[in-house]
Amino acid sequence: MANATVFLGMITPAGRVAYVTPALPAEVAISAAAQADAPVQAQYRLAGPCVTSRCGFWTGEHCGLGERLVASYAETVGDPEVDLPRCAIRRNCRWFAEQGPAACAACAHVVTDAR
């Protein structure tokens, strides 16, 4: 992932991420959210660089969060056919590097504010 937090996509009414490409600075989403009633995490998905051992999800070898999300998504929907979205960070995405295309299916459903 890049060295800065980026605006990855918008949260749709169905609770999925609609990705934007190319990546935009996170300030774009934060600025737009400042004019809305809902917090930024309810409207937009941001992605930051992996901080490895400085993260509570780091197992010492890989991202435990990515692993758990893929496993949880697979339990819920089975083994989905993965049509990879146009994702601006895939080339540098730790989840994709470690979990493969299944990470993309799970990622599109990650919402950090489930109001």
PDB file of N, CA and C in Angstrom:
ATOM      1  N   MET A   1       0.839  -1.165   0.000  1.00  0.00           N
ATOM      2  CA  MET A   1       0.000   0.000   0.000  1.00  0.00           C
ATOM      3  C   MET A   1       0.881   1.224   0.000  1.00  0.00           C
ATOM      4  N   ALA A   2       0.361   2.312  -0.463  1.00  0.00           N
ATOM      5  CA  ALA A   2       1.120   3.553  -0.506  1.00  0.00           C
ATOM      6  C   ALA A   2       1.465   4.005   0.906  1.00  0.00           C
ATOM      7  N   ASN A   3       2.264   5.027   1.007  1.00  0.00           N
ATOM      8  CA  ASN A   3       2.705   5.515   2.308  1.00  0.00           C
ATOM      9  C   ASN A   3       1.692   6.418   2.987  1.00  0.00           C
ATOM     10  N   ALA A   4       0.581   6.714   2.358  1.00  0.00           N
ATOM     11  CA  ALA A   4      -0.409   7.610   2.936  1.00  0.00           C
ATOM     12  C   ALA A   4      -1.783   6.946   2.911  1.00  0.00           C
ATOM     13  N   THR A   5      -2.643   7.410   3.785  1.00  0.00           N
ATOM     14  CA  THR A   5      -4.018   6.919   3.786  1.00  0.00           C
ATOM     15  C   THR A   5      -4.720   7.463   2.552  1.00  0.00           C
ATOM     16  N   VAL A   6      -5.502   6.608   1.896  1.00  0.00           N
ATOM     17  CA  VAL A   6      -6.198   6.993   0.668  1.00  0.00           C
ATOM     18  C   VAL A   6      -7.694   6.737   0.790  1.00  0.00           C
ATOM     19  N   PHE A   7      -8.439   7.420  -0.037  1.00  0.00           N
ATOM     20  CA  PHE A   7      -9.877   7.242  -0.187  1.00  0.00           C
ATOM     21  C   PHE A   7     -10.054   6.044  -1.112  1.00  0.00           C
ATOM     22  N   LEU A   8     -10.543   4.936  -0.565  1.00  0.00           N
ATOM     23  CA  LEU A   8     -10.659   3.681  -1.311  1.00  0.00           C
ATOM     24  C   LEU A   8     -12.002   3.561  -2.017  1.00  0.00           C
ATOM     25  N   GLY A   9     -13.077   4.040  -1.382  1.00  0.00           N
ATOM     26  CA  GLY A   9     -14.387   3.936  -2.001  1.00  0.00           C
ATOM     27  C   GLY A   9     -15.488   4.507  -1.140  1.00  0.00           C
ATOM     28  N   MET A  10     -16.695   4.435  -1.665  1.00  0.00           N
ATOM     29  CA  MET A  10     -17.884   4.924  -0.966  1.00  0.00           C
ATOM     30  C   MET A  10     -18.687   3.725  -0.480  1.00  0.00           C
ATOM     31  N   ILE A  11     -19.357   3.881   0.650  1.00  0.00           N
ATOM     32  CA  ILE A  11     -20.225   2.832   1.172  1.00  0.00           C
ATOM     33  C   ILE A  11     -21.594   3.001   0.511  1.00  0.00           C
ATOM     34  N   THR A  12     -22.068   1.967  -0.156  1.00  0.00           N
ATOM     35  CA  THR A  12     -23.362   2.024  -0.831  1.00  0.00           C
ATOM     36  C   THR A  12     -24.492   1.788   0.175  1.00  0.00           C
ATOM     37  N   PRO A  13     -25.728   2.107  -0.195  1.00  0.00           N
ATOM     38  CA  PRO A  13     -26.855   1.823   0.695  1.00  0.00           C
ATOM     39  C   PRO A  13     -26.970   0.334   1.045  1.00  0.00           C
ATOM     40  N   ALA A  14     -26.455  -0.534   0.186  1.00  0.00           N
ATOM     41  CA  ALA A  14     -26.489  -1.979   0.450  1.00  0.00           C
ATOM     42  C   ALA A  14     -25.375  -2.406   1.412  1.00  0.00           C
ATOM     43  N   GLY A  15     -24.519  -1.463   1.823  1.00  0.00           N
ATOM     44  CA  GLY A  15     -23.454  -1.781   2.765  1.00  0.00           C
ATOM     45  C   GLY A  15     -22.215  -2.377   2.143  1.00  0.00           C
ATOM     46  N   ARG A  16     -21.995  -2.114   0.877  1.00  0.00           N
ATOM     47  CA  ARG A  16     -20.782  -2.596   0.197  1.00  0.00           C
ATOM     48  C   ARG A  16     -19.927  -1.412  -0.198  1.00  0.00           C
ATOM     49  N   VAL A  17     -18.686  -1.683  -0.492  1.00  0.00           N
ATOM     50  CA  VAL A  17     -17.771  -0.636  -0.933  1.00  0.00           C
ATOM     51  C   VAL A  17     -17.841  -0.520  -2.449  1.00  0.00           C
ATOM     52  N   ALA A  18     -18.089   0.696  -2.926  1.00  0.00           N
ATOM     53  CA  ALA A  18     -17.998   0.993  -4.355  1.00  0.00           C
ATOM     54  C   ALA A  18     -16.649   1.684  -4.531  1.00  0.00           C
ATOM     55  N   TYR A  19     -15.707   0.981  -5.114  1.00  0.00           N
ATOM     56  CA  TYR A  19     -14.326   1.455  -5.211  1.00  0.00           C
ATOM     57  C   TYR A  19     -14.186   2.621  -6.184  1.00  0.00           C
ATOM     58  N   VAL A  20     -13.224   3.486  -5.880  1.00  0.00           N
ATOM     59  CA  VAL A  20     -12.864   4.565  -6.797  1.00  0.00           C
ATOM     60  C   VAL A  20     -11.463   4.279  -7.318  1.00  0.00           C
ATOM     61  N   THR A  21     -11.244   4.573  -8.580  1.00  0.00           N
ATOM     62  CA  THR A  21      -9.910   4.466  -9.157  1.00  0.00           C
ATOM     63  C   THR A  21      -9.712   5.676 -10.049  1.00  0.00           C
ATOM     64  N   PRO A  22      -8.563   6.276  -9.996  1.00  0.00           N
ATOM     65  CA  PRO A  22      -7.418   5.939  -9.157  1.00  0.00           C
ATOM     66  C   PRO A  22      -7.658   6.356  -7.713  1.00  0.00           C
ATOM     67  N   ALA A  23      -6.737   5.955  -6.867  1.00  0.00           N
ATOM     68  CA  ALA A  23      -6.823   6.327  -5.456  1.00  0.00           C
ATOM     69  C   ALA A  23      -6.763   7.850  -5.323  1.00  0.00           C
ATOM     70  N   LEU A  24      -7.508   8.345  -4.358  1.00  0.00           N
ATOM     71  CA  LEU A  24      -7.512   9.778  -4.071  1.00  0.00           C
ATOM     72  C   LEU A  24      -7.018   9.994  -2.647  1.00  0.00           C
ATOM     73  N   PRO A  25      -6.502  11.161  -2.346  1.00  0.00           N
ATOM     74  CA  PRO A  25      -6.079  11.415  -0.964  1.00  0.00           C
ATOM     75  C   PRO A  25      -7.280  11.295  -0.011  1.00  0.00           C
ATOM     76  N   ALA A  26      -7.049  10.808   1.180  1.00  0.00           N
ATOM     77  CA  ALA A  26      -8.109  10.635   2.170  1.00  0.00           C
ATOM     78  C   ALA A  26      -8.805  11.952   2.471  1.00  0.00           C
ATOM     79  N   GLU A  27      -8.100  13.059   2.324  1.00  0.00           N
ATOM     80  CA  GLU A  27      -8.681  14.367   2.609  1.00  0.00           C
ATOM     81  C   GLU A  27      -9.910  14.663   1.760  1.00  0.00           C
ATOM     82  N   VAL A  28     -10.004  14.047   0.572  1.00  0.00           N
ATOM     83  CA  VAL A  28     -11.178  14.233  -0.289  1.00  0.00           C
ATOM     84  C   VAL A  28     -12.433  13.739   0.437  1.00  0.00           C
ATOM     85  N   ALA A  29     -12.372  12.540   0.997  1.00  0.00           N
ATOM     86  CA  ALA A  29     -13.516  11.978   1.714  1.00  0.00           C
ATOM     87  C   ALA A  29     -13.759  12.717   3.019  1.00  0.00           C
ATOM     88  N   ILE A  30     -12.708  13.048   3.725  1.00  0.00           N
ATOM     89  CA  ILE A  30     -12.853  13.725   5.015  1.00  0.00           C
ATOM     90  C   ILE A  30     -13.493  15.094   4.822  1.00  0.00           C
ATOM     91  N   SER A  31     -13.098  15.801   3.792  1.00  0.00           N
ATOM     92  CA  SER A  31     -13.664  17.112   3.497  1.00  0.00           C
ATOM     93  C   SER A  31     -15.144  16.998   3.140  1.00  0.00           C
ATOM     94  N   ALA A  32     -15.499  16.016   2.308  1.00  0.00           N
ATOM     95  CA  ALA A  32     -16.893  15.817   1.926  1.00  0.00           C
ATOM     96  C   ALA A  32     -17.735  15.400   3.121  1.00  0.00           C
ATOM     97  N   ALA A  33     -17.184  14.565   3.993  1.00  0.00           N
ATOM     98  CA  ALA A  33     -17.926  14.088   5.161  1.00  0.00           C
ATOM     99  C   ALA A  33     -18.184  15.211   6.153  1.00  0.00           C
ATOM    100  N   ALA A  34     -17.323  16.196   6.185  1.00  0.00           N
ATOM    101  CA  ALA A  34     -17.492  17.311   7.115  1.00  0.00           C
ATOM    102  C   ALA A  34     -18.780  18.075   6.830  1.00  0.00           C
ATOM    103  N   GLN A  35     -19.273  17.977   5.612  1.00  0.00           N
ATOM    104  CA  GLN A  35     -20.490  18.688   5.226  1.00  0.00           C
ATOM    105  C   GLN A  35     -21.735  17.819   5.353  1.00  0.00           C
ATOM    106  N   ALA A  36     -21.595  16.592   5.819  1.00  0.00           N
ATOM    107  CA  ALA A  36     -22.722  15.666   5.953  1.00  0.00           C
ATOM    108  C   ALA A  36     -22.998  15.392   7.428  1.00  0.00           C
ATOM    109  N   ASP A  37     -24.137  14.787   7.690  1.00  0.00           N
ATOM    110  CA  ASP A  37     -24.521  14.478   9.065  1.00  0.00           C
ATOM    111  C   ASP A  37     -23.846  13.219   9.606  1.00  0.00           C
ATOM    112  N   ALA A  38     -23.474  12.304   8.729  1.00  0.00           N
ATOM    113  CA  ALA A  38     -22.909  11.023   9.159  1.00  0.00           C
ATOM    114  C   ALA A  38     -21.382  11.105   9.247  1.00  0.00           C
ATOM    115  N   PRO A  39     -20.776  10.313  10.132  1.00  0.00           N
ATOM    116  CA  PRO A  39     -19.309  10.311  10.227  1.00  0.00           C
ATOM    117  C   PRO A  39     -18.667   9.720   8.969  1.00  0.00           C
ATOM    118  N   VAL A  40     -17.412  10.058   8.759  1.00  0.00           N
ATOM    119  CA  VAL A  40     -16.703   9.636   7.551  1.00  0.00           C
ATOM    120  C   VAL A  40     -16.757   8.125   7.359  1.00  0.00           C
ATOM    121  N   GLN A  41     -16.612   7.327   8.433  1.00  0.00           N
ATOM    122  CA  GLN A  41     -16.585   5.875   8.289  1.00  0.00           C
ATOM    123  C   GLN A  41     -17.934   5.284   7.892  1.00  0.00           C
ATOM    124  N   ALA A  42     -19.008   6.047   8.032  1.00  0.00           N
ATOM    125  CA  ALA A  42     -20.320   5.577   7.613  1.00  0.00           C
ATOM    126  C   ALA A  42     -20.553   5.811   6.123  1.00  0.00           C
ATOM    127  N   GLN A  43     -19.736   6.663   5.524  1.00  0.00           N
ATOM    128  CA  GLN A  43     -19.935   7.037   4.133  1.00  0.00           C
ATOM    129  C   GLN A  43     -18.826   6.578   3.197  1.00  0.00           C
ATOM    130  N   TYR A  44     -17.600   6.539   3.730  1.00  0.00           N
ATOM    131  CA  TYR A  44     -16.442   6.302   2.888  1.00  0.00           C
ATOM    132  C   TYR A  44     -15.538   5.235   3.486  1.00  0.00           C
ATOM    133  N   ARG A  45     -14.823   4.551   2.626  1.00  0.00           N
ATOM    134  CA  ARG A  45     -13.837   3.563   3.055  1.00  0.00           C
ATOM    135  C   ARG A  45     -12.459   4.119   2.768  1.00  0.00           C
ATOM    136  N   LEU A  46     -11.637   4.174   3.790  1.00  0.00           N
ATOM    137  CA  LEU A  46     -10.275   4.648   3.670  1.00  0.00           C
ATOM    138  C   LEU A  46      -9.331   3.469   3.848  1.00  0.00           C
ATOM    139  N   ALA A  47      -8.145   3.567   3.298  1.00  0.00           N
ATOM    140  CA  ALA A  47      -7.143   2.509   3.440  1.00  0.00           C
ATOM    141  C   ALA A  47      -5.802   3.147   3.766  1.00  0.00           C
ATOM    142  N   GLY A  48      -5.164   2.626   4.784  1.00  0.00           N
ATOM    143  CA  GLY A  48      -3.858   3.147   5.189  1.00  0.00           C
ATOM    144  C   GLY A  48      -2.789   2.096   5.000  1.00  0.00           C
ATOM    145  N   PRO A  49      -1.557   2.518   5.126  1.00  0.00           N
ATOM    146  CA  PRO A  49      -0.450   1.570   4.960  1.00  0.00           C
ATOM    147  C   PRO A  49      -0.416   0.552   6.096  1.00  0.00           C
ATOM    148  N   CYS A  50       0.032  -0.645   5.798  1.00  0.00           N
ATOM    149  CA  CYS A  50       0.201  -1.680   6.813  1.00  0.00           C
ATOM    150  C   CYS A  50       1.360  -1.281   7.714  1.00  0.00           C
ATOM    151  N   VAL A  51       1.147  -1.389   9.017  1.00  0.00           N
ATOM    152  CA  VAL A  51       2.197  -1.006   9.970  1.00  0.00           C
ATOM    153  C   VAL A  51       2.795  -2.235  10.652  1.00  0.00           C
ATOM    154  N   THR A  52       2.515  -3.394  10.155  1.00  0.00           N
ATOM    155  CA  THR A  52       3.028  -4.689  10.622  1.00  0.00           C
ATOM    156  C   THR A  52       3.047  -4.784  12.143  1.00  0.00           C
ATOM    157  N   SER A  53       4.203  -4.860  12.759  1.00  0.00           N
ATOM    158  CA  SER A  53       4.300  -5.143  14.193  1.00  0.00           C
ATOM    159  C   SER A  53       3.733  -4.048  15.089  1.00  0.00           C
ATOM    160  N   ARG A  54       3.404  -2.885  14.542  1.00  0.00           N
ATOM    161  CA  ARG A  54       2.785  -1.825  15.334  1.00  0.00           C
ATOM    162  C   ARG A  54       1.266  -1.952  15.357  1.00  0.00           C
ATOM    163  N   CYS A  55       0.733  -3.012  14.776  1.00  0.00           N
ATOM    164  CA  CYS A  55      -0.710  -3.241  14.708  1.00  0.00           C
ATOM    165  C   CYS A  55      -1.082  -4.431  15.583  1.00  0.00           C
ATOM    166  N   GLY A  56      -2.192  -4.319  16.277  1.00  0.00           N
ATOM    167  CA  GLY A  56      -2.652  -5.406  17.139  1.00  0.00           C
ATOM    168  C   GLY A  56      -3.078  -6.646  16.379  1.00  0.00           C
ATOM    169  N   PHE A  57      -3.330  -6.537  15.092  1.00  0.00           N
ATOM    170  CA  PHE A  57      -3.741  -7.690  14.287  1.00  0.00           C
ATOM    171  C   PHE A  57      -2.554  -8.436  13.684  1.00  0.00           C
ATOM    172  N   TRP A  58      -1.351  -7.885  13.808  1.00  0.00           N
ATOM    173  CA  TRP A  58      -0.166  -8.510  13.231  1.00  0.00           C
ATOM    174  C   TRP A  58       0.187  -9.755  14.034  1.00  0.00           C
ATOM    175  N   THR A  59       0.299 -10.885  13.356  1.00  0.00           N
ATOM    176  CA  THR A  59       0.579 -12.153  14.046  1.00  0.00           C
ATOM    177  C   THR A  59       2.063 -12.395  14.258  1.00  0.00           C
ATOM    178  N   GLY A  60       2.884 -11.586  13.679  1.00  0.00           N
ATOM    179  CA  GLY A  60       4.321 -11.805  13.687  1.00  0.00           C
ATOM    180  C   GLY A  60       4.788 -12.253  12.319  1.00  0.00           C
ATOM    181  N   GLU A  61       3.841 -12.762  11.519  1.00  0.00           N
ATOM    182  CA  GLU A  61       4.148 -13.224  10.165  1.00  0.00           C
ATOM    183  C   GLU A  61       3.191 -12.691   9.101  1.00  0.00           C
ATOM    184  N   HIS A  62       1.958 -12.383   9.500  1.00  0.00           N
ATOM    185  CA  HIS A  62       0.967 -11.914   8.535  1.00  0.00           C
ATOM    186  C   HIS A  62      -0.147 -11.146   9.246  1.00  0.00           C
ATOM    187  N   CYS A  63      -1.068 -10.595   8.451  1.00  0.00           N
ATOM    188  CA  CYS A  63      -2.187  -9.829   8.989  1.00  0.00           C
ATOM    189  C   CYS A  63      -3.289 -10.784   9.449  1.00  0.00           C
ATOM    190  N   GLY A  64      -3.491 -10.837  10.745  1.00  0.00           N
ATOM    191  CA  GLY A  64      -4.535 -11.690  11.297  1.00  0.00           C
ATOM    192  C   GLY A  64      -5.931 -11.182  10.968  1.00  0.00           C
ATOM    193  N   LEU A  65      -6.096  -9.872  10.786  1.00  0.00           N
ATOM    194  CA  LEU A  65      -7.411  -9.330  10.451  1.00  0.00           C
ATOM    195  C   LEU A  65      -7.834  -9.788   9.060  1.00  0.00           C
ATOM    196  N   GLY A  66      -6.941  -9.661   8.087  1.00  0.00           N
ATOM    197  CA  GLY A  66      -7.261 -10.113   6.732  1.00  0.00           C
ATOM    198  C   GLY A  66      -7.627 -11.587   6.718  1.00  0.00           C
ATOM    199  N   GLU A  67      -6.869 -12.379   7.454  1.00  0.00           N
ATOM    200  CA  GLU A  67      -7.135 -13.816   7.542  1.00  0.00           C
ATOM    201  C   GLU A  67      -8.513 -14.080   8.151  1.00  0.00           C
ATOM    202  N   ARG A  68      -8.846 -13.383   9.235  1.00  0.00           N
ATOM    203  CA  ARG A  68     -10.146 -13.570   9.896  1.00  0.00           C
ATOM    204  C   ARG A  68     -11.302 -13.112   9.021  1.00  0.00           C
ATOM    205  N   LEU A  69     -11.126 -11.991   8.316  1.00  0.00           N
ATOM    206  CA  LEU A  69     -12.187 -11.498   7.442  1.00  0.00           C
ATOM    207  C   LEU A  69     -12.482 -12.475   6.313  1.00  0.00           C
ATOM    208  N   VAL A  70     -11.441 -13.007   5.696  1.00  0.00           N
ATOM    209  CA  VAL A  70     -11.631 -13.966   4.602  1.00  0.00           C
ATOM    210  C   VAL A  70     -12.321 -15.227   5.118  1.00  0.00           C
ATOM    211  N   ALA A  71     -11.899 -15.723   6.277  1.00  0.00           N
ATOM    212  CA  ALA A  71     -12.513 -16.928   6.859  1.00  0.00           C
ATOM    213  C   ALA A  71     -13.976 -16.672   7.221  1.00  0.00           C
ATOM    214  N   SER A  72     -14.270 -15.527   7.820  1.00  0.00           N
ATOM    215  CA  SER A  72     -15.638 -15.189   8.211  1.00  0.00           C
ATOM    216  C   SER A  72     -16.536 -15.040   6.985  1.00  0.00           C
ATOM    217  N   TYR A  73     -16.029 -14.375   5.948  1.00  0.00           N
ATOM    218  CA  TYR A  73     -16.802 -14.196   4.725  1.00  0.00           C
ATOM    219  C   TYR A  73     -17.078 -15.544   4.065  1.00  0.00           C
ATOM    220  N   ALA A  74     -16.085 -16.423   4.046  1.00  0.00           N
ATOM    221  CA  ALA A  74     -16.260 -17.754   3.455  1.00  0.00           C
ATOM    222  C   ALA A  74     -17.298 -18.558   4.226  1.00  0.00           C
ATOM    223  N   GLU A  75     -17.330 -18.434   5.564  1.00  0.00           N
ATOM    224  CA  GLU A  75     -18.344 -19.124   6.371  1.00  0.00           C
ATOM    225  C   GLU A  75     -19.736 -18.637   6.038  1.00  0.00           C
ATOM    226  N   THR A  76     -19.856 -17.345   5.762  1.00  0.00           N
ATOM    227  CA  THR A  76     -21.153 -16.732   5.497  1.00  0.00           C
ATOM    228  C   THR A  76     -21.674 -17.059   4.103  1.00  0.00           C
ATOM    229  N   VAL A  77     -20.819 -16.953   3.088  1.00  0.00           N
ATOM    230  CA  VAL A  77     -21.279 -17.115   1.704  1.00  0.00           C
ATOM    231  C   VAL A  77     -20.704 -18.330   1.002  1.00  0.00           C
ATOM    232  N   GLY A  78     -19.871 -19.076   1.664  1.00  0.00           N
ATOM    233  CA  GLY A  78     -19.228 -20.211   1.010  1.00  0.00           C
ATOM    234  C   GLY A  78     -18.027 -19.732   0.220  1.00  0.00           C
ATOM    235  N   ASP A  79     -17.678 -20.450  -0.807  1.00  0.00           N
ATOM    236  CA  ASP A  79     -16.530 -20.103  -1.633  1.00  0.00           C
ATOM    237  C   ASP A  79     -17.036 -19.326  -2.843  1.00  0.00           C
ATOM    238  N   PRO A  80     -17.056 -17.990  -2.759  1.00  0.00           N
ATOM    239  CA  PRO A  80     -17.670 -17.201  -3.831  1.00  0.00           C
ATOM    240  C   PRO A  80     -16.829 -17.161  -5.095  1.00  0.00           C
ATOM    241  N   GLU A  81     -17.513 -16.988  -6.209  1.00  0.00           N
ATOM    242  CA  GLU A  81     -16.820 -16.656  -7.450  1.00  0.00           C
ATOM    243  C   GLU A  81     -16.359 -15.221  -7.259  1.00  0.00           C
ATOM    244  N   VAL A  82     -15.100 -14.961  -7.441  1.00  0.00           N
ATOM    245  CA  VAL A  82     -14.592 -13.624  -7.170  1.00  0.00           C
ATOM    246  C   VAL A  82     -14.359 -12.884  -8.479  1.00  0.00           C
ATOM    247  N   ASP A  83     -15.167 -11.859  -8.675  1.00  0.00           N
ATOM    248  CA  ASP A  83     -14.982 -10.954  -9.796  1.00  0.00           C
ATOM    249  C   ASP A  83     -14.244  -9.757  -9.214  1.00  0.00           C
ATOM    250  N   LEU A  84     -12.951  -9.664  -9.466  1.00  0.00           N
ATOM    251  CA  LEU A  84     -12.132  -8.646  -8.820  1.00  0.00           C
ATOM    252  C   LEU A  84     -12.576  -7.242  -9.208  1.00  0.00           C
ATOM    253  N   PRO A  85     -12.835  -6.402  -8.197  1.00  0.00           N
ATOM    254  CA  PRO A  85     -13.216  -5.021  -8.485  1.00  0.00           C
ATOM    255  C   PRO A  85     -12.000  -4.228  -8.959  1.00  0.00           C
ATOM    256  N   ARG A  86     -12.253  -3.083  -9.540  1.00  0.00           N
ATOM    257  CA  ARG A  86     -11.157  -2.187  -9.937  1.00  0.00           C
ATOM    258  C   ARG A  86     -10.683  -1.480  -8.681  1.00  0.00           C
ATOM    259  N   CYS A  87      -9.712  -2.032  -8.045  1.00  0.00           N
ATOM    260  CA  CYS A  87      -9.215  -1.525  -6.766  1.00  0.00           C
ATOM    261  C   CYS A  87      -7.894  -0.791  -6.972  1.00  0.00           C
ATOM    262  N   ALA A  88      -7.830   0.414  -6.418  1.00  0.00           N
ATOM    263  CA  ALA A  88      -6.646   1.250  -6.605  1.00  0.00           C
ATOM    264  C   ALA A  88      -5.440   0.798  -5.784  1.00  0.00           C
ATOM    265  N   ILE A  89      -5.648  -0.071  -4.787  1.00  0.00           N
ATOM    266  CA  ILE A  89      -4.522  -0.445  -3.922  1.00  0.00           C
ATOM    267  C   ILE A  89      -4.102  -1.910  -4.041  1.00  0.00           C
ATOM    268  N   ARG A  90      -4.754  -2.690  -4.888  1.00  0.00           N
ATOM    269  CA  ARG A  90      -4.490  -4.132  -4.944  1.00  0.00           C
ATOM    270  C   ARG A  90      -2.998  -4.455  -5.092  1.00  0.00           C
ATOM    271  N   ARG A  91      -2.308  -3.715  -5.905  1.00  0.00           N
ATOM    272  CA  ARG A  91      -0.883  -3.972  -6.151  1.00  0.00           C
ATOM    273  C   ARG A  91      -0.078  -3.936  -4.851  1.00  0.00           C
ATOM    274  N   ASN A  92      -0.517  -3.139  -3.880  1.00  0.00           N
ATOM    275  CA  ASN A  92       0.205  -2.993  -2.624  1.00  0.00           C
ATOM    276  C   ASN A  92      -0.589  -3.490  -1.418  1.00  0.00           C
ATOM    277  N   CYS A  93      -1.690  -4.160  -1.647  1.00  0.00           N
ATOM    278  CA  CYS A  93      -2.586  -4.580  -0.565  1.00  0.00           C
ATOM    279  C   CYS A  93      -2.058  -5.838   0.143  1.00  0.00           C
ATOM    280  N   ARG A  94      -1.844  -5.721   1.433  1.00  0.00           N
ATOM    281  CA  ARG A  94      -1.360  -6.862   2.218  1.00  0.00           C
ATOM    282  C   ARG A  94      -2.386  -7.987   2.201  1.00  0.00           C
ATOM    283  N   TRP A  95      -3.673  -7.657   2.364  1.00  0.00           N
ATOM    284  CA  TRP A  95      -4.705  -8.709   2.370  1.00  0.00           C
ATOM    285  C   TRP A  95      -4.678  -9.495   1.068  1.00  0.00           C
ATOM    286  N   PHE A  96      -4.590  -8.806  -0.065  1.00  0.00           N
ATOM    287  CA  PHE A  96      -4.561  -9.494  -1.356  1.00  0.00           C
ATOM    288  C   PHE A  96      -3.285 -10.324  -1.488  1.00  0.00           C
ATOM    289  N   ALA A  97      -2.161  -9.774  -1.071  1.00  0.00           N
ATOM    290  CA  ALA A  97      -0.882 -10.495  -1.165  1.00  0.00           C
ATOM    291  C   ALA A  97      -0.918 -11.774  -0.339  1.00  0.00           C
ATOM    292  N   GLU A  98      -1.563 -11.733   0.809  1.00  0.00           N
ATOM    293  CA  GLU A  98      -1.576 -12.887   1.703  1.00  0.00           C
ATOM    294  C   GLU A  98      -2.755 -13.833   1.479  1.00  0.00           C
ATOM    295  N   GLN A  99      -3.905 -13.308   1.113  1.00  0.00           N
ATOM    296  CA  GLN A  99      -5.120 -14.130   1.018  1.00  0.00           C
ATOM    297  C   GLN A  99      -5.607 -14.336  -0.414  1.00  0.00           C
ATOM    298  N   GLY A 100      -5.037 -13.627  -1.366  1.00  0.00           N
ATOM    299  CA  GLY A 100      -5.425 -13.771  -2.756  1.00  0.00           C
ATOM    300  C   GLY A 100      -6.776 -13.150  -3.064  1.00  0.00           C
ATOM    301  N   PRO A 101      -7.408 -13.555  -4.166  1.00  0.00           N
ATOM    302  CA  PRO A 101      -8.675 -12.967  -4.600  1.00  0.00           C
ATOM    303  C   PRO A 101      -9.800 -13.045  -3.558  1.00  0.00           C
ATOM    304  N   ALA A 102      -9.760 -14.016  -2.680  1.00  0.00           N
ATOM    305  CA  ALA A 102     -10.801 -14.106  -1.646  1.00  0.00           C
ATOM    306  C   ALA A 102     -10.798 -12.859  -0.763  1.00  0.00           C
ATOM    307  N   ALA A 103      -9.652 -12.214  -0.620  1.00  0.00           N
ATOM    308  CA  ALA A 103      -9.574 -10.983   0.169  1.00  0.00           C
ATOM    309  C   ALA A 103     -10.407  -9.882  -0.467  1.00  0.00           C
ATOM    310  N   CYS A 104     -10.449  -9.841  -1.791  1.00  0.00           N
ATOM    311  CA  CYS A 104     -11.229  -8.810  -2.482  1.00  0.00           C
ATOM    312  C   CYS A 104     -12.724  -8.986  -2.217  1.00  0.00           C
ATOM    313  N   ALA A 105     -13.190 -10.214  -2.223  1.00  0.00           N
ATOM    314  CA  ALA A 105     -14.609 -10.467  -1.944  1.00  0.00           C
ATOM    315  C   ALA A 105     -14.965 -10.022  -0.533  1.00  0.00           C
ATOM    316  N   ALA A 106     -14.130 -10.356   0.428  1.00  0.00           N
ATOM    317  CA  ALA A 106     -14.393  -9.969   1.817  1.00  0.00           C
ATOM    318  C   ALA A 106     -14.261  -8.462   1.997  1.00  0.00           C
ATOM    319  N   CYS A 107     -13.274  -7.871   1.385  1.00  0.00           N
ATOM    320  CA  CYS A 107     -12.991  -6.448   1.535  1.00  0.00           C
ATOM    321  C   CYS A 107     -14.172  -5.593   1.112  1.00  0.00           C
ATOM    322  N   ALA A 108     -14.827  -5.942   0.032  1.00  0.00           N
ATOM    323  CA  ALA A 108     -15.941  -5.152  -0.470  1.00  0.00           C
ATOM    324  C   ALA A 108     -17.106  -5.075   0.501  1.00  0.00           C
ATOM    325  N   HIS A 109     -17.116  -5.963   1.497  1.00  0.00           N
ATOM    326  CA  HIS A 109     -18.195  -6.003   2.481  1.00  0.00           C
ATOM    327  C   HIS A 109     -17.805  -5.428   3.825  1.00  0.00           C
ATOM    328  N   VAL A 110     -16.568  -4.970   3.957  1.00  0.00           N
ATOM    329  CA  VAL A 110     -16.119  -4.401   5.222  1.00  0.00           C
ATOM    330  C   VAL A 110     -16.655  -2.980   5.347  1.00  0.00           C
ATOM    331  N   VAL A 111     -17.454  -2.768   6.371  1.00  0.00           N
ATOM    332  CA  VAL A 111     -17.990  -1.437   6.672  1.00  0.00           C
ATOM    333  C   VAL A 111     -17.659  -1.188   8.133  1.00  0.00           C
ATOM    334  N   THR A 112     -17.135  -0.012   8.431  1.00  0.00           N
ATOM    335  CA  THR A 112     -16.696   0.252   9.787  1.00  0.00           C
ATOM    336  C   THR A 112     -17.746   0.954  10.649  1.00  0.00           C
ATOM    337  N   ASP A 113     -18.885   1.284  10.084  1.00  0.00           N
ATOM    338  CA  ASP A 113     -19.959   1.901  10.845  1.00  0.00           C
ATOM    339  C   ASP A 113     -21.265   1.310  10.337  1.00  0.00           C
ATOM    340  N   ALA A 114     -21.865   0.414  11.099  1.00  0.00           N
ATOM    341  CA  ALA A 114     -23.019  -0.354  10.606  1.00  0.00           C
ATOM    342  C   ALA A 114     -24.366   0.236  11.028  1.00  0.00           C
ATOM    343  N   ARG A 115     -24.451   1.546  11.165  1.00  0.00           N
ATOM    344  CA  ARG A 115     -25.733   2.138  11.541  1.00  0.00           C
ATOM    345  C   ARG A 115     -26.761   1.730  10.580  1.00  0.00           C
TER     346      ARG A 115
END
